[in-house]
Structure formats: structure tokens, C-alpha cells
N, C-alpha and C. Protein backbone atom coordinates (compact mmCIF):
# COMPACT_ATOMS: atom_id res chain seq x y z
N MET A 1 100.38 97.83 89.23
CA MET A 1 99.27 98.65 88.78
C MET A 1 98.53 99.19 90.00
N LEU A 2 98.22 100.45 89.95
CA LEU A 2 97.53 101.06 91.09
C LEU A 2 96.05 100.72 91.09
N SER A 3 95.55 100.53 92.25
CA SER A 3 94.15 100.23 92.44
C SER A 3 93.31 101.48 92.19
N ASN A 4 92.06 101.27 91.84
CA ASN A 4 91.13 102.39 91.68
C ASN A 4 90.91 103.12 92.99
N LEU A 5 91.25 102.48 94.12
CA LEU A 5 91.08 103.13 95.42
C LEU A 5 91.91 104.40 95.52
N PHE A 6 93.07 104.44 94.83
CA PHE A 6 93.91 105.63 94.88
C PHE A 6 93.21 106.84 94.28
N LYS A 7 92.27 106.61 93.40
CA LYS A 7 91.54 107.72 92.80
C LYS A 7 90.62 108.38 93.81
N LYS A 8 90.26 107.64 94.85
CA LYS A 8 89.32 108.13 95.85
C LYS A 8 90.01 108.67 97.10
N ARG A 9 91.21 108.13 97.44
CA ARG A 9 91.87 108.53 98.67
C ARG A 9 93.36 108.20 98.60
N ASN A 10 94.09 108.71 99.53
CA ASN A 10 95.50 108.37 99.68
C ASN A 10 95.62 107.21 100.65
N LEU A 11 96.70 106.45 100.53
CA LEU A 11 96.96 105.38 101.47
C LEU A 11 97.84 105.93 102.58
N GLU A 12 97.43 105.74 103.81
CA GLU A 12 98.23 106.14 104.97
C GLU A 12 98.87 104.90 105.56
N VAL A 13 100.19 104.95 105.70
CA VAL A 13 100.94 103.87 106.33
C VAL A 13 101.18 104.28 107.77
N LEU A 14 100.60 103.54 108.70
CA LEU A 14 100.70 103.88 110.12
C LEU A 14 101.95 103.25 110.73
N SER A 15 102.38 103.81 111.82
CA SER A 15 103.57 103.30 112.50
C SER A 15 103.31 101.87 112.99
N PRO A 16 104.19 100.91 112.62
CA PRO A 16 104.00 99.54 113.07
C PRO A 16 104.50 99.28 114.49
N MET A 17 105.10 100.33 115.10
CA MET A 17 105.65 100.17 116.45
C MET A 17 105.82 101.54 117.08
N ASN A 18 106.05 101.56 118.39
CA ASN A 18 106.35 102.80 119.10
C ASN A 18 107.83 103.10 118.96
N GLY A 19 108.16 104.38 118.81
CA GLY A 19 109.57 104.74 118.78
C GLY A 19 109.83 106.05 118.08
N GLU A 20 111.09 106.41 118.03
CA GLU A 20 111.53 107.64 117.39
C GLU A 20 111.62 107.44 115.89
N ILE A 21 111.00 108.34 115.13
CA ILE A 21 111.03 108.29 113.68
C ILE A 21 112.30 109.00 113.20
N ILE A 22 113.03 108.34 112.29
CA ILE A 22 114.24 108.95 111.75
C ILE A 22 114.23 108.83 110.22
N PRO A 23 114.82 109.79 109.53
CA PRO A 23 114.90 109.72 108.07
C PRO A 23 115.79 108.54 107.64
N LEU A 24 115.48 107.97 106.48
CA LEU A 24 116.30 106.87 105.98
C LEU A 24 117.76 107.29 105.82
N GLY A 25 117.99 108.53 105.45
CA GLY A 25 119.35 109.02 105.27
C GLY A 25 120.20 108.91 106.52
N ASP A 26 119.57 108.79 107.69
CA ASP A 26 120.29 108.67 108.96
C ASP A 26 120.49 107.22 109.41
N VAL A 27 120.00 106.27 108.63
CA VAL A 27 120.15 104.85 108.98
C VAL A 27 121.59 104.42 108.69
N PRO A 28 122.27 103.80 109.66
CA PRO A 28 123.68 103.43 109.47
C PRO A 28 123.88 102.17 108.63
N ASP A 29 123.25 102.15 107.46
CA ASP A 29 123.39 101.06 106.51
C ASP A 29 123.12 101.64 105.12
N PRO A 30 124.09 101.60 104.20
CA PRO A 30 123.92 102.25 102.90
C PRO A 30 122.77 101.70 102.05
N VAL A 31 122.42 100.44 102.23
CA VAL A 31 121.29 99.90 101.46
C VAL A 31 120.03 100.70 101.75
N PHE A 32 119.85 101.10 103.00
CA PHE A 32 118.67 101.87 103.38
C PHE A 32 118.92 103.37 103.24
N SER A 33 120.05 103.86 103.73
CA SER A 33 120.30 105.31 103.72
C SER A 33 120.38 105.87 102.30
N GLN A 34 120.83 105.06 101.35
CA GLN A 34 120.89 105.51 99.96
C GLN A 34 119.64 105.13 99.18
N LYS A 35 118.64 104.62 99.88
CA LYS A 35 117.32 104.29 99.33
C LYS A 35 117.39 103.31 98.16
N MET A 36 118.31 102.36 98.26
CA MET A 36 118.46 101.35 97.22
C MET A 36 117.24 100.44 97.11
N MET A 37 116.53 100.27 98.22
CA MET A 37 115.35 99.40 98.22
C MET A 37 114.06 100.19 98.03
N GLY A 38 114.13 101.52 98.20
CA GLY A 38 112.95 102.34 98.05
C GLY A 38 112.90 103.45 99.09
N GLU A 39 111.84 104.24 98.99
CA GLU A 39 111.61 105.37 99.89
C GLU A 39 110.97 104.87 101.17
N GLY A 40 111.16 105.62 102.24
CA GLY A 40 110.52 105.26 103.50
C GLY A 40 111.09 106.03 104.67
N VAL A 41 110.88 105.48 105.84
CA VAL A 41 111.39 106.06 107.08
C VAL A 41 111.92 104.91 107.92
N ALA A 42 112.52 105.23 109.03
CA ALA A 42 112.96 104.20 109.97
C ALA A 42 112.48 104.58 111.37
N ILE A 43 112.42 103.59 112.22
CA ILE A 43 112.00 103.81 113.60
C ILE A 43 113.04 103.20 114.53
N LEU A 44 113.37 103.95 115.57
CA LEU A 44 114.19 103.42 116.66
C LEU A 44 113.18 102.98 117.72
N PRO A 45 112.84 101.69 117.76
CA PRO A 45 111.75 101.20 118.61
C PRO A 45 112.03 101.37 120.11
N THR A 46 110.96 101.58 120.84
CA THR A 46 111.08 101.68 122.29
C THR A 46 110.56 100.43 123.00
N ASN A 47 109.52 99.81 122.43
CA ASN A 47 108.94 98.62 123.06
C ASN A 47 107.90 98.02 122.14
N GLY A 48 107.39 96.88 122.51
CA GLY A 48 106.29 96.26 121.78
C GLY A 48 106.73 95.49 120.56
N GLY A 49 105.76 94.87 119.92
CA GLY A 49 106.02 94.09 118.72
C GLY A 49 105.85 94.91 117.46
N VAL A 50 105.84 94.20 116.34
CA VAL A 50 105.64 94.82 115.03
C VAL A 50 104.20 94.54 114.63
N HIS A 51 103.49 95.62 114.30
CA HIS A 51 102.06 95.53 113.94
C HIS A 51 101.86 95.90 112.48
N ALA A 52 100.76 95.46 111.92
CA ALA A 52 100.43 95.79 110.53
C ALA A 52 100.21 97.29 110.39
N PRO A 53 100.93 97.94 109.45
CA PRO A 53 100.76 99.37 109.24
C PRO A 53 99.62 99.71 108.28
N VAL A 54 99.09 98.69 107.59
CA VAL A 54 98.01 98.85 106.63
C VAL A 54 97.19 97.56 106.63
N ASP A 55 96.00 97.63 106.04
CA ASP A 55 95.24 96.41 105.75
C ASP A 55 95.87 95.80 104.51
N GLY A 56 96.03 94.48 104.49
CA GLY A 56 96.61 93.88 103.30
C GLY A 56 96.88 92.40 103.48
N GLU A 57 97.88 91.93 102.73
CA GLU A 57 98.24 90.51 102.72
C GLU A 57 99.75 90.38 102.93
N ILE A 58 100.13 89.41 103.72
CA ILE A 58 101.55 89.13 103.94
C ILE A 58 102.07 88.44 102.68
N VAL A 59 103.12 89.02 102.08
CA VAL A 59 103.69 88.42 100.87
C VAL A 59 105.06 87.79 101.13
N LEU A 60 105.69 88.14 102.25
CA LEU A 60 107.00 87.58 102.56
C LEU A 60 107.23 87.58 104.06
N VAL A 61 107.73 86.48 104.56
CA VAL A 61 108.31 86.40 105.89
C VAL A 61 109.67 85.76 105.67
N SER A 62 110.74 86.49 105.96
CA SER A 62 112.08 85.94 105.73
C SER A 62 112.29 84.70 106.59
N ASP A 63 113.09 83.78 106.08
CA ASP A 63 113.39 82.56 106.83
C ASP A 63 114.01 82.87 108.19
N THR A 64 114.72 83.98 108.27
CA THR A 64 115.37 84.36 109.53
C THR A 64 114.50 85.30 110.37
N LYS A 65 113.27 85.47 109.96
CA LYS A 65 112.22 86.16 110.73
C LYS A 65 112.47 87.65 110.96
N HIS A 66 113.50 88.22 110.37
CA HIS A 66 113.87 89.61 110.62
C HIS A 66 113.20 90.60 109.68
N ALA A 67 112.49 90.11 108.66
CA ALA A 67 111.87 91.00 107.69
C ALA A 67 110.56 90.41 107.19
N ILE A 68 109.60 91.31 106.97
CA ILE A 68 108.32 90.90 106.40
C ILE A 68 107.92 91.92 105.35
N ALA A 69 107.11 91.47 104.40
CA ALA A 69 106.57 92.36 103.38
C ALA A 69 105.05 92.18 103.36
N ILE A 70 104.38 93.32 103.23
CA ILE A 70 102.91 93.36 103.18
C ILE A 70 102.52 94.07 101.90
N ARG A 71 101.54 93.54 101.20
CA ARG A 71 100.94 94.24 100.06
C ARG A 71 99.61 94.78 100.53
N SER A 72 99.48 96.11 100.51
CA SER A 72 98.24 96.72 100.96
C SER A 72 97.11 96.37 100.01
N THR A 73 95.89 96.61 100.44
CA THR A 73 94.74 96.36 99.58
C THR A 73 94.78 97.24 98.34
N ASP A 74 95.59 98.31 98.36
CA ASP A 74 95.77 99.19 97.21
C ASP A 74 96.93 98.75 96.32
N GLY A 75 97.64 97.70 96.71
CA GLY A 75 98.76 97.21 95.92
C GLY A 75 100.11 97.79 96.27
N VAL A 76 100.19 98.57 97.34
CA VAL A 76 101.47 99.13 97.78
C VAL A 76 102.22 98.07 98.58
N GLU A 77 103.50 97.87 98.24
CA GLU A 77 104.30 96.86 98.93
C GLU A 77 105.21 97.52 99.95
N ILE A 78 105.10 97.05 101.19
CA ILE A 78 105.81 97.64 102.33
C ILE A 78 106.70 96.58 102.95
N LEU A 79 107.99 96.90 103.05
CA LEU A 79 108.95 96.03 103.71
C LEU A 79 109.24 96.59 105.09
N ILE A 80 109.16 95.74 106.10
CA ILE A 80 109.56 96.10 107.45
C ILE A 80 110.78 95.24 107.78
N HIS A 81 111.93 95.90 107.93
CA HIS A 81 113.19 95.20 108.19
C HIS A 81 113.56 95.47 109.64
N ILE A 82 113.40 94.48 110.50
CA ILE A 82 113.56 94.67 111.94
C ILE A 82 115.04 94.65 112.31
N GLY A 83 115.55 95.81 112.67
CA GLY A 83 116.96 95.94 113.03
C GLY A 83 117.87 95.88 111.83
N LEU A 84 119.16 96.08 112.10
CA LEU A 84 120.19 96.03 111.05
C LEU A 84 121.12 94.86 111.31
N GLU A 85 121.42 94.15 110.23
CA GLU A 85 122.26 92.95 110.30
C GLU A 85 121.67 91.90 111.25
N THR A 86 120.35 91.85 111.27
CA THR A 86 119.66 90.87 112.12
C THR A 86 119.49 89.52 111.44
N VAL A 87 119.79 89.45 110.15
CA VAL A 87 119.75 88.16 109.46
C VAL A 87 120.69 87.17 110.14
N SER A 88 121.78 87.68 110.70
CA SER A 88 122.77 86.81 111.36
C SER A 88 122.23 86.17 112.64
N LEU A 89 121.13 86.66 113.16
CA LEU A 89 120.54 86.09 114.38
C LEU A 89 119.80 84.78 114.12
N GLN A 90 119.59 84.47 112.84
CA GLN A 90 118.95 83.21 112.45
C GLN A 90 117.60 82.99 113.14
N GLY A 91 116.84 84.06 113.30
CA GLY A 91 115.49 83.95 113.86
C GLY A 91 115.41 84.12 115.37
N GLN A 92 116.54 84.12 116.06
CA GLN A 92 116.52 84.31 117.51
C GLN A 92 116.05 85.73 117.84
N GLY A 93 115.16 85.84 118.81
CA GLY A 93 114.64 87.14 119.23
C GLY A 93 113.33 87.53 118.55
N PHE A 94 112.87 86.69 117.62
CA PHE A 94 111.63 87.00 116.88
C PHE A 94 110.64 85.85 117.03
N THR A 95 109.37 86.19 117.26
CA THR A 95 108.29 85.21 117.25
C THR A 95 107.29 85.66 116.20
N VAL A 96 107.23 84.94 115.08
CA VAL A 96 106.37 85.31 113.96
C VAL A 96 104.97 84.75 114.19
N LEU A 97 103.97 85.61 114.04
CA LEU A 97 102.58 85.23 114.30
C LEU A 97 101.75 85.14 113.03
N ILE A 98 102.40 85.36 111.86
CA ILE A 98 101.69 85.36 110.58
C ILE A 98 102.49 84.52 109.58
N ALA A 99 101.89 84.29 108.39
CA ALA A 99 102.56 83.55 107.33
C ALA A 99 102.19 84.17 105.99
N PRO A 100 103.02 83.95 104.95
CA PRO A 100 102.65 84.45 103.63
C PRO A 100 101.26 83.98 103.23
N GLY A 101 100.51 84.90 102.66
CA GLY A 101 99.13 84.61 102.26
C GLY A 101 98.10 85.05 103.28
N ASP A 102 98.52 85.29 104.53
CA ASP A 102 97.58 85.74 105.55
C ASP A 102 97.09 87.15 105.25
N LYS A 103 95.82 87.37 105.44
CA LYS A 103 95.23 88.71 105.37
C LYS A 103 95.39 89.33 106.74
N VAL A 104 95.81 90.60 106.77
CA VAL A 104 96.03 91.29 108.04
C VAL A 104 95.30 92.62 108.06
N SER A 105 95.01 93.08 109.25
CA SER A 105 94.34 94.36 109.46
C SER A 105 95.27 95.30 110.21
N VAL A 106 95.09 96.59 109.98
CA VAL A 106 95.89 97.61 110.68
C VAL A 106 95.89 97.32 112.18
N GLY A 107 97.07 97.34 112.77
CA GLY A 107 97.20 97.16 114.21
C GLY A 107 97.41 95.72 114.65
N GLN A 108 97.18 94.76 113.76
CA GLN A 108 97.36 93.35 114.12
C GLN A 108 98.84 93.08 114.40
N VAL A 109 99.11 92.34 115.47
CA VAL A 109 100.49 91.98 115.80
C VAL A 109 100.98 90.96 114.77
N LEU A 110 102.14 91.26 114.17
CA LEU A 110 102.72 90.38 113.16
C LEU A 110 103.89 89.58 113.71
N ILE A 111 104.75 90.27 114.46
CA ILE A 111 105.93 89.65 115.03
C ILE A 111 106.16 90.21 116.42
N GLU A 112 106.39 89.33 117.37
CA GLU A 112 106.83 89.77 118.70
C GLU A 112 108.35 89.80 118.67
N VAL A 113 108.92 90.84 119.29
CA VAL A 113 110.37 91.04 119.22
C VAL A 113 110.94 91.19 120.62
N ASP A 114 112.03 90.50 120.87
CA ASP A 114 112.80 90.67 122.10
C ASP A 114 113.84 91.74 121.82
N TRP A 115 113.47 92.99 122.07
CA TRP A 115 114.34 94.12 121.72
C TRP A 115 115.66 94.09 122.47
N GLU A 116 115.67 93.62 123.69
CA GLU A 116 116.93 93.53 124.44
C GLU A 116 117.88 92.55 123.77
N TYR A 117 117.36 91.42 123.33
CA TYR A 117 118.19 90.44 122.64
C TYR A 117 118.75 91.03 121.34
N ILE A 118 117.88 91.71 120.59
CA ILE A 118 118.30 92.32 119.32
C ILE A 118 119.36 93.39 119.59
N ARG A 119 119.12 94.22 120.58
CA ARG A 119 120.06 95.29 120.94
C ARG A 119 121.44 94.72 121.28
N GLU A 120 121.46 93.60 121.99
CA GLU A 120 122.72 92.99 122.44
C GLU A 120 123.43 92.18 121.36
N ASN A 121 122.69 91.71 120.34
CA ASN A 121 123.28 90.76 119.40
C ASN A 121 123.29 91.20 117.93
N ALA A 122 122.75 92.36 117.63
CA ALA A 122 122.74 92.84 116.24
C ALA A 122 123.41 94.21 116.18
N LYS A 123 123.64 94.69 114.99
CA LYS A 123 124.29 96.00 114.80
C LYS A 123 123.44 97.12 115.38
N SER A 124 122.11 97.03 115.18
CA SER A 124 121.22 98.11 115.62
C SER A 124 119.78 97.61 115.65
N ILE A 125 118.95 98.26 116.47
CA ILE A 125 117.52 97.95 116.47
C ILE A 125 116.75 98.87 115.53
N VAL A 126 117.42 99.80 114.87
CA VAL A 126 116.75 100.69 113.91
C VAL A 126 116.01 99.84 112.88
N THR A 127 114.75 100.16 112.66
CA THR A 127 113.87 99.37 111.81
C THR A 127 113.36 100.19 110.63
N PRO A 128 113.92 99.97 109.43
CA PRO A 128 113.42 100.65 108.24
C PRO A 128 112.06 100.12 107.81
N ILE A 129 111.21 101.04 107.35
CA ILE A 129 109.91 100.71 106.76
C ILE A 129 109.96 101.32 105.36
N ILE A 130 109.97 100.47 104.34
CA ILE A 130 110.27 100.87 102.98
C ILE A 130 109.11 100.56 102.04
N ILE A 131 108.82 101.47 101.12
CA ILE A 131 107.88 101.21 100.03
C ILE A 131 108.73 100.66 98.88
N THR A 132 108.56 99.38 98.57
CA THR A 132 109.45 98.74 97.60
C THR A 132 108.96 98.87 96.15
N ASN A 133 107.73 99.28 95.95
CA ASN A 133 107.22 99.47 94.58
C ASN A 133 106.71 100.89 94.40
N GLY A 134 107.50 101.85 94.86
CA GLY A 134 107.05 103.25 94.87
C GLY A 134 107.44 104.09 93.68
N ALA A 135 108.05 103.50 92.65
CA ALA A 135 108.52 104.31 91.52
C ALA A 135 107.40 105.09 90.84
N ASP A 136 106.21 104.53 90.80
CA ASP A 136 105.09 105.20 90.13
C ASP A 136 104.12 105.85 91.12
N LYS A 137 104.62 106.11 92.33
CA LYS A 137 103.76 106.67 93.37
C LYS A 137 104.39 107.93 93.98
N SER A 138 103.56 108.78 94.51
CA SER A 138 104.02 109.94 95.27
C SER A 138 104.02 109.52 96.74
N ILE A 139 105.20 109.63 97.39
CA ILE A 139 105.33 109.20 98.78
C ILE A 139 105.75 110.39 99.63
N GLN A 140 104.92 110.74 100.59
CA GLN A 140 105.22 111.83 101.52
C GLN A 140 105.53 111.22 102.87
N CYS A 141 106.74 111.45 103.35
CA CYS A 141 107.17 110.89 104.64
C CYS A 141 106.95 111.89 105.76
N ASN A 142 106.59 111.38 106.92
CA ASN A 142 106.37 112.19 108.11
C ASN A 142 107.53 111.98 109.07
N TYR A 143 108.21 113.06 109.42
CA TYR A 143 109.35 112.95 110.32
C TYR A 143 109.04 113.53 111.69
N THR A 144 107.78 113.39 112.14
CA THR A 144 107.44 113.73 113.51
C THR A 144 108.39 112.95 114.41
N LYS A 145 108.78 113.51 115.50
CA LYS A 145 109.79 112.87 116.36
C LYS A 145 109.40 111.50 116.88
N VAL A 146 108.16 111.32 117.31
CA VAL A 146 107.77 110.08 117.95
C VAL A 146 106.63 109.41 117.19
N GLY A 147 106.81 108.12 116.90
CA GLY A 147 105.75 107.35 116.26
C GLY A 147 105.03 106.53 117.31
N ILE A 148 103.71 106.54 117.23
CA ILE A 148 102.88 105.74 118.13
C ILE A 148 102.21 104.67 117.30
N GLN A 149 102.44 103.42 117.68
CA GLN A 149 101.92 102.29 116.94
C GLN A 149 100.43 102.45 116.67
N GLY A 150 100.07 102.33 115.38
CA GLY A 150 98.68 102.36 114.97
C GLY A 150 98.05 103.73 114.93
N LYS A 151 98.78 104.78 115.32
CA LYS A 151 98.22 106.13 115.35
C LYS A 151 98.97 107.13 114.47
N THR A 152 100.29 107.09 114.51
CA THR A 152 101.08 108.06 113.76
C THR A 152 101.18 107.63 112.30
N VAL A 153 100.86 108.56 111.38
CA VAL A 153 101.01 108.30 109.96
C VAL A 153 102.47 108.50 109.59
N LEU A 154 103.14 107.42 109.14
CA LEU A 154 104.54 107.51 108.73
C LEU A 154 104.68 108.03 107.31
N MET A 155 103.78 107.55 106.43
CA MET A 155 103.85 107.92 105.02
C MET A 155 102.45 108.03 104.46
N THR A 156 102.30 108.95 103.53
CA THR A 156 101.05 109.07 102.76
C THR A 156 101.40 108.82 101.31
N ILE A 157 100.70 107.90 100.68
CA ILE A 157 101.04 107.46 99.33
C ILE A 157 99.86 107.72 98.42
N SER A 158 100.16 108.27 97.24
CA SER A 158 99.13 108.52 96.25
C SER A 158 99.70 108.25 94.86
N ALA A 159 98.82 108.21 93.88
CA ALA A 159 99.26 108.05 92.50
C ALA A 159 99.93 109.33 92.04
N LYS A 160 100.92 109.18 91.17
CA LYS A 160 101.60 110.38 90.61
C LYS A 160 100.72 111.02 89.57
């Protein structure tokens, strides 16, 4: 159910990291490229950790530390999947700084990532950012070439 906040404004999902923004259709994994999990964008990270793209609550931290989900204060659920086929790393290369139930603010560091380790040991460092409950929402994606953590708006979400 959408929050009354949507009646007053749109939700802006900010870039959780620095890097090149790419369309989901260009992600070399059909689960993401065919939007099986939802609409969104992906980032080819350049450096830094993963930061909160919205104010909200952590609802999931995968056991293998490669994915987290945040529910915004408006009820939008955002999945950040760090790299591709990173589940096989069994948590190596990730330092998680949050836990399910934690309240987070835009820009807060959620996970520190050893990008060199991920680059050397996983299929790709491409990181999809997906709206997993977007069926009843209007999602506008921004494909500006470069995302700057905490500054670039990746997606604007509103009620349909």
C-alpha cells in the first residue's frame, strides 16, 4: 500500500555508489536484464561502499552479504544486488555495517566492498538496483552516464 507521502511528492532513489549507470537490459544476467525481479538500473561501480539510496529500514541482508533490501519510508522496496554471481563468494569481500530492522538515512554506509576482490572472484561487479514492489508504481529511470553516490537520482517513483 502506498503511503500518503506519495500524494505530496515523488520518491527519489539516489545512487548508492559512484559509477557508470547502465540500463538493466544491458546487465549480463537474464534475471536482471529481463526484469524478472522488477524495474531499475544497474551501476558499474568505480570505488567506495554501498550507501543508503533512501531513508528507510533494512528488511534483508543476505547471509552471503551480497544483497540487501531497504523499505523506504514511503513503502518502496529496493534491492541492491552487489555484483553478479557473488553469492558464491560466501560473504568474502563484503563488510556489512547494518542489520535487518535498522533505520537508515540517505548516504549512510551500509556495506563496505572490496571491489578488487569481487572483480577477481565473481562474474561481474555490475550492481543492479531494483524496485521489487513496483507493479503499482510509476518508475522513471535515469540513464545519465555517471552516478555520484548520494547526488545522482537513479529513479523517481510515484503512484500510478
